[in-house]
Amino acid sequence: MATERMRRLNITEYQVELVKDPFGILSGKRYEFLLDLELDEEDELYSPHGIYVKAVYMVDDEGGRIIKHELYERTTNRFLSYDLEDDELAEAEAFCLAHYKETEE
C-alpha cells in the first residue's frame, strides 16, 4: 500500500527575490521563491537532506500564480521529478501571495 502524501505544506523557511527583466519583454513581474519544507518521514518526498521548492510566482493585472515549480533535495540540490499536488500548489500560491511584496520594501 502506497503512503499518501501530506496534504498540508509546512514551510519552515523561505527566500524571495524579484526576477529582473532588463529588456521589459515579460508581462507582469516575476518572483523566485525558495520554500524549505518540513516533511514527515513517512511522506514519499521525505529526504534526510531536506526538501525545498523553487517556484516562479508571476503577478500581473489578472492576479498572481505560480507559473513554474520544481522540487530539490536541500543539501545536494538534486532535482526531484515530483510535482506538488493541486492542494499543495494552492497553499504555495497563497504563501507567495502573502510574501512577494517583501522584495519591494
N, C-alpha and C. Protein backbone atom coordinates (compact mmCIF):
# COMPACT_ATOMS: atom_id res chain seq x y z
N MET A 1 0.84 -1.17 0.00
CA MET A 1 0.00 0.00 0.00
C MET A 1 0.89 1.24 0.00
N ALA A 2 0.62 2.17 -0.92
CA ALA A 2 1.42 3.38 -1.04
C ALA A 2 1.08 4.36 0.08
N THR A 3 2.09 5.07 0.52
CA THR A 3 1.89 6.10 1.54
C THR A 3 1.31 7.34 0.88
N GLU A 4 0.27 7.89 1.45
CA GLU A 4 -0.34 9.11 0.91
C GLU A 4 0.51 10.31 1.28
N ARG A 5 0.66 11.23 0.34
CA ARG A 5 1.45 12.45 0.57
C ARG A 5 0.75 13.34 1.58
N MET A 6 1.54 14.19 2.22
CA MET A 6 0.99 15.18 3.14
C MET A 6 0.03 16.09 2.40
N ARG A 7 -0.99 16.54 3.06
CA ARG A 7 -1.97 17.44 2.44
C ARG A 7 -1.72 18.88 2.82
N ARG A 8 -0.83 19.12 3.75
CA ARG A 8 -0.57 20.48 4.21
C ARG A 8 0.93 20.76 4.08
N LEU A 9 1.26 21.86 3.43
CA LEU A 9 2.67 22.24 3.34
C LEU A 9 3.10 22.88 4.64
N ASN A 10 4.24 22.46 5.14
CA ASN A 10 4.81 23.09 6.31
C ASN A 10 6.10 23.78 5.86
N ILE A 11 5.97 25.08 5.56
CA ILE A 11 7.11 25.85 5.08
C ILE A 11 7.85 26.41 6.30
N THR A 12 9.10 25.97 6.45
CA THR A 12 9.86 26.36 7.64
C THR A 12 10.71 27.60 7.42
N GLU A 13 11.19 27.81 6.21
CA GLU A 13 11.98 28.99 5.86
C GLU A 13 11.72 29.30 4.40
N TYR A 14 12.00 30.55 4.03
CA TYR A 14 11.83 30.91 2.63
C TYR A 14 12.73 32.08 2.26
N GLN A 15 12.94 32.20 0.96
CA GLN A 15 13.63 33.34 0.38
C GLN A 15 12.80 33.78 -0.81
N VAL A 16 12.74 35.08 -1.06
CA VAL A 16 12.03 35.59 -2.23
C VAL A 16 12.88 36.67 -2.87
N GLU A 17 12.90 36.67 -4.19
CA GLU A 17 13.71 37.63 -4.94
C GLU A 17 12.96 38.03 -6.20
N LEU A 18 12.94 39.32 -6.49
CA LEU A 18 12.35 39.82 -7.73
C LEU A 18 13.27 39.42 -8.88
N VAL A 19 12.68 38.82 -9.92
CA VAL A 19 13.45 38.45 -11.10
C VAL A 19 13.50 39.66 -12.02
N LYS A 20 14.68 40.14 -12.30
CA LYS A 20 14.85 41.33 -13.14
C LYS A 20 14.53 41.01 -14.59
N ASP A 21 13.88 41.95 -15.28
CA ASP A 21 13.58 41.84 -16.71
C ASP A 21 14.19 43.06 -17.39
N PRO A 22 15.49 43.04 -17.68
CA PRO A 22 16.17 44.23 -18.19
C PRO A 22 15.64 44.70 -19.55
N PHE A 23 15.02 43.82 -20.31
CA PHE A 23 14.54 44.19 -21.64
C PHE A 23 13.06 44.53 -21.67
N GLY A 24 12.35 44.30 -20.56
CA GLY A 24 10.94 44.62 -20.48
C GLY A 24 10.06 43.80 -21.41
N ILE A 25 10.46 42.56 -21.67
CA ILE A 25 9.68 41.74 -22.60
C ILE A 25 8.67 40.83 -21.90
N LEU A 26 8.79 40.67 -20.58
CA LEU A 26 7.88 39.80 -19.84
C LEU A 26 6.68 40.61 -19.35
N SER A 27 5.51 40.00 -19.41
CA SER A 27 4.35 40.69 -18.85
C SER A 27 4.34 40.47 -17.34
N GLY A 28 3.90 41.47 -16.60
CA GLY A 28 3.85 41.36 -15.15
C GLY A 28 5.22 41.32 -14.52
N LYS A 29 5.25 40.96 -13.24
CA LYS A 29 6.51 40.80 -12.50
C LYS A 29 6.63 39.35 -12.08
N ARG A 30 7.86 38.89 -12.00
CA ARG A 30 8.13 37.52 -11.58
C ARG A 30 9.01 37.53 -10.34
N TYR A 31 8.71 36.60 -9.45
CA TYR A 31 9.43 36.46 -8.20
C TYR A 31 9.86 35.01 -8.07
N GLU A 32 11.11 34.80 -7.66
CA GLU A 32 11.57 33.44 -7.41
C GLU A 32 11.52 33.19 -5.90
N PHE A 33 10.84 32.11 -5.54
CA PHE A 33 10.74 31.69 -4.15
C PHE A 33 11.51 30.39 -3.95
N LEU A 34 12.21 30.30 -2.84
CA LEU A 34 12.78 29.04 -2.36
C LEU A 34 12.07 28.75 -1.04
N LEU A 35 11.32 27.66 -1.02
CA LEU A 35 10.50 27.30 0.14
C LEU A 35 11.01 26.01 0.75
N ASP A 36 11.59 26.09 1.94
CA ASP A 36 12.04 24.89 2.65
C ASP A 36 10.83 24.20 3.26
N LEU A 37 10.72 22.90 3.04
CA LEU A 37 9.59 22.13 3.54
C LEU A 37 10.01 21.21 4.67
N GLU A 38 9.15 21.08 5.66
CA GLU A 38 9.33 20.07 6.69
C GLU A 38 8.37 18.94 6.35
N LEU A 39 8.92 17.75 6.19
CA LEU A 39 8.11 16.60 5.79
C LEU A 39 8.22 15.48 6.81
N ASP A 40 7.16 14.77 6.96
CA ASP A 40 7.13 13.59 7.82
C ASP A 40 7.96 12.49 7.17
N GLU A 41 8.62 11.68 7.98
CA GLU A 41 9.46 10.60 7.45
C GLU A 41 8.67 9.60 6.60
N GLU A 42 7.36 9.54 6.79
CA GLU A 42 6.53 8.61 6.02
C GLU A 42 6.13 9.19 4.66
N ASP A 43 6.35 10.47 4.44
CA ASP A 43 5.98 11.11 3.18
C ASP A 43 6.91 10.62 2.07
N GLU A 44 6.36 10.38 0.89
CA GLU A 44 7.17 9.87 -0.22
C GLU A 44 8.25 10.86 -0.67
N LEU A 45 8.08 12.13 -0.36
CA LEU A 45 9.08 13.14 -0.72
C LEU A 45 10.18 13.29 0.32
N TYR A 46 10.01 12.68 1.47
CA TYR A 46 10.95 12.88 2.58
C TYR A 46 12.38 12.51 2.18
N SER A 47 13.31 13.34 2.62
CA SER A 47 14.73 13.05 2.49
C SER A 47 15.41 13.56 3.76
N PRO A 48 16.35 12.81 4.32
CA PRO A 48 17.06 13.31 5.50
C PRO A 48 17.88 14.56 5.17
N HIS A 49 18.10 14.82 3.89
CA HIS A 49 18.85 16.00 3.46
C HIS A 49 17.96 17.24 3.40
N GLY A 50 16.65 17.07 3.51
CA GLY A 50 15.72 18.19 3.40
C GLY A 50 15.23 18.38 1.98
N ILE A 51 14.10 19.04 1.84
CA ILE A 51 13.48 19.28 0.54
C ILE A 51 13.10 20.76 0.45
N TYR A 52 13.29 21.32 -0.74
CA TYR A 52 12.79 22.68 -0.96
C TYR A 52 12.12 22.78 -2.32
N VAL A 53 11.24 23.76 -2.42
CA VAL A 53 10.55 24.05 -3.67
C VAL A 53 11.13 25.33 -4.24
N LYS A 54 11.48 25.31 -5.51
CA LYS A 54 11.87 26.52 -6.23
C LYS A 54 10.67 26.87 -7.10
N ALA A 55 10.05 28.03 -6.84
CA ALA A 55 8.84 28.41 -7.55
C ALA A 55 9.01 29.79 -8.17
N VAL A 56 8.47 29.94 -9.38
CA VAL A 56 8.41 31.25 -10.02
C VAL A 56 6.96 31.70 -9.92
N TYR A 57 6.77 32.83 -9.25
CA TYR A 57 5.45 33.39 -8.99
C TYR A 57 5.30 34.64 -9.85
N MET A 58 4.25 34.68 -10.68
CA MET A 58 4.02 35.81 -11.57
C MET A 58 2.85 36.64 -11.08
N VAL A 59 3.01 37.95 -11.09
CA VAL A 59 1.94 38.87 -10.72
C VAL A 59 1.70 39.80 -11.91
N ASP A 60 0.44 39.85 -12.37
CA ASP A 60 0.06 40.77 -13.44
C ASP A 60 -1.32 41.34 -13.14
N ASP A 61 -1.95 41.94 -14.11
CA ASP A 61 -3.26 42.56 -13.91
C ASP A 61 -4.34 41.54 -13.52
N GLU A 62 -4.14 40.29 -13.84
CA GLU A 62 -5.12 39.24 -13.54
C GLU A 62 -4.91 38.62 -12.16
N GLY A 63 -3.85 38.99 -11.48
CA GLY A 63 -3.57 38.44 -10.16
C GLY A 63 -2.23 37.75 -10.12
N GLY A 64 -2.06 36.83 -9.16
CA GLY A 64 -0.80 36.13 -9.01
C GLY A 64 -0.98 34.63 -9.11
N ARG A 65 0.05 33.96 -9.59
CA ARG A 65 0.01 32.50 -9.70
C ARG A 65 1.43 31.95 -9.89
N ILE A 66 1.61 30.72 -9.49
CA ILE A 66 2.87 30.03 -9.72
C ILE A 66 2.86 29.54 -11.16
N ILE A 67 3.86 29.94 -11.93
CA ILE A 67 3.92 29.52 -13.32
C ILE A 67 4.91 28.37 -13.54
N LYS A 68 5.75 28.12 -12.53
CA LYS A 68 6.70 27.01 -12.62
C LYS A 68 7.13 26.64 -11.21
N HIS A 69 7.26 25.35 -10.95
CA HIS A 69 7.82 24.93 -9.67
C HIS A 69 8.58 23.63 -9.85
N GLU A 70 9.62 23.49 -9.05
CA GLU A 70 10.45 22.29 -9.06
C GLU A 70 10.83 21.96 -7.62
N LEU A 71 11.03 20.68 -7.36
CA LEU A 71 11.44 20.24 -6.03
C LEU A 71 12.88 19.77 -6.08
N TYR A 72 13.62 20.10 -5.00
CA TYR A 72 15.03 19.75 -4.90
C TYR A 72 15.34 19.22 -3.51
N GLU A 73 16.36 18.37 -3.47
CA GLU A 73 16.89 17.93 -2.19
C GLU A 73 17.80 19.04 -1.67
N ARG A 74 17.67 19.41 -0.42
CA ARG A 74 18.33 20.60 0.13
C ARG A 74 19.86 20.53 0.05
N THR A 75 20.48 19.59 0.70
CA THR A 75 21.95 19.63 0.81
C THR A 75 22.67 19.24 -0.48
N THR A 76 22.01 18.48 -1.35
CA THR A 76 22.65 18.04 -2.58
C THR A 76 22.21 18.86 -3.80
N ASN A 77 21.11 19.63 -3.64
CA ASN A 77 20.50 20.37 -4.75
C ASN A 77 20.11 19.46 -5.92
N ARG A 78 19.85 18.20 -5.59
CA ARG A 78 19.44 17.22 -6.60
C ARG A 78 17.98 17.46 -6.97
N PHE A 79 17.70 17.59 -8.28
CA PHE A 79 16.35 17.77 -8.78
C PHE A 79 15.52 16.52 -8.51
N LEU A 80 14.29 16.71 -8.05
CA LEU A 80 13.37 15.60 -7.81
C LEU A 80 12.22 15.70 -8.81
N SER A 81 11.94 14.62 -9.49
CA SER A 81 10.92 14.66 -10.55
C SER A 81 9.52 14.42 -9.98
N TYR A 82 9.15 15.24 -9.03
CA TYR A 82 7.81 15.22 -8.43
C TYR A 82 7.18 16.59 -8.65
N ASP A 83 5.87 16.61 -8.63
CA ASP A 83 5.13 17.87 -8.65
C ASP A 83 4.34 17.97 -7.36
N LEU A 84 4.05 19.19 -6.96
CA LEU A 84 3.14 19.38 -5.84
C LEU A 84 1.74 19.00 -6.31
N GLU A 85 0.95 18.46 -5.41
CA GLU A 85 -0.43 18.15 -5.74
C GLU A 85 -1.21 19.46 -5.76
N ASP A 86 -2.39 19.44 -6.34
CA ASP A 86 -3.17 20.67 -6.53
C ASP A 86 -3.39 21.44 -5.24
N ASP A 87 -3.73 20.74 -4.16
CA ASP A 87 -3.97 21.44 -2.89
C ASP A 87 -2.67 22.00 -2.32
N GLU A 88 -1.55 21.32 -2.51
CA GLU A 88 -0.26 21.81 -2.05
C GLU A 88 0.16 23.03 -2.88
N LEU A 89 -0.09 22.97 -4.18
CA LEU A 89 0.23 24.10 -5.05
C LEU A 89 -0.60 25.32 -4.67
N ALA A 90 -1.86 25.11 -4.34
CA ALA A 90 -2.72 26.21 -3.90
C ALA A 90 -2.18 26.84 -2.61
N GLU A 91 -1.69 26.01 -1.69
CA GLU A 91 -1.10 26.54 -0.45
C GLU A 91 0.18 27.33 -0.75
N ALA A 92 1.00 26.82 -1.66
CA ALA A 92 2.23 27.52 -2.03
C ALA A 92 1.90 28.86 -2.68
N GLU A 93 0.87 28.89 -3.53
CA GLU A 93 0.47 30.15 -4.17
C GLU A 93 -0.02 31.15 -3.13
N ALA A 94 -0.80 30.69 -2.16
CA ALA A 94 -1.27 31.58 -1.10
C ALA A 94 -0.10 32.13 -0.30
N PHE A 95 0.91 31.30 -0.05
CA PHE A 95 2.10 31.74 0.67
C PHE A 95 2.83 32.81 -0.15
N CYS A 96 3.00 32.55 -1.44
CA CYS A 96 3.69 33.51 -2.31
C CYS A 96 2.93 34.83 -2.37
N LEU A 97 1.61 34.77 -2.46
CA LEU A 97 0.79 35.97 -2.48
C LEU A 97 1.02 36.80 -1.22
N ALA A 98 1.15 36.14 -0.10
CA ALA A 98 1.32 36.83 1.18
C ALA A 98 2.72 37.42 1.36
N HIS A 99 3.71 36.94 0.58
CA HIS A 99 5.10 37.34 0.83
C HIS A 99 5.84 37.98 -0.34
N TYR A 100 5.28 38.01 -1.54
CA TYR A 100 6.07 38.51 -2.68
C TYR A 100 6.43 39.99 -2.54
N LYS A 101 5.61 40.78 -1.87
CA LYS A 101 5.87 42.22 -1.76
C LYS A 101 7.07 42.53 -0.86
N GLU A 102 7.57 41.54 -0.14
CA GLU A 102 8.73 41.76 0.72
C GLU A 102 9.97 42.19 -0.06
N THR A 103 10.01 41.85 -1.35
CA THR A 103 11.16 42.25 -2.17
C THR A 103 11.10 43.72 -2.53
N GLU A 104 9.92 44.34 -2.38
CA GLU A 104 9.75 45.74 -2.76
C GLU A 104 9.82 46.69 -1.58
N GLU A 105 10.05 46.16 -0.39
CA GLU A 105 10.10 47.00 0.82
C GLU A 105 11.47 47.61 1.00
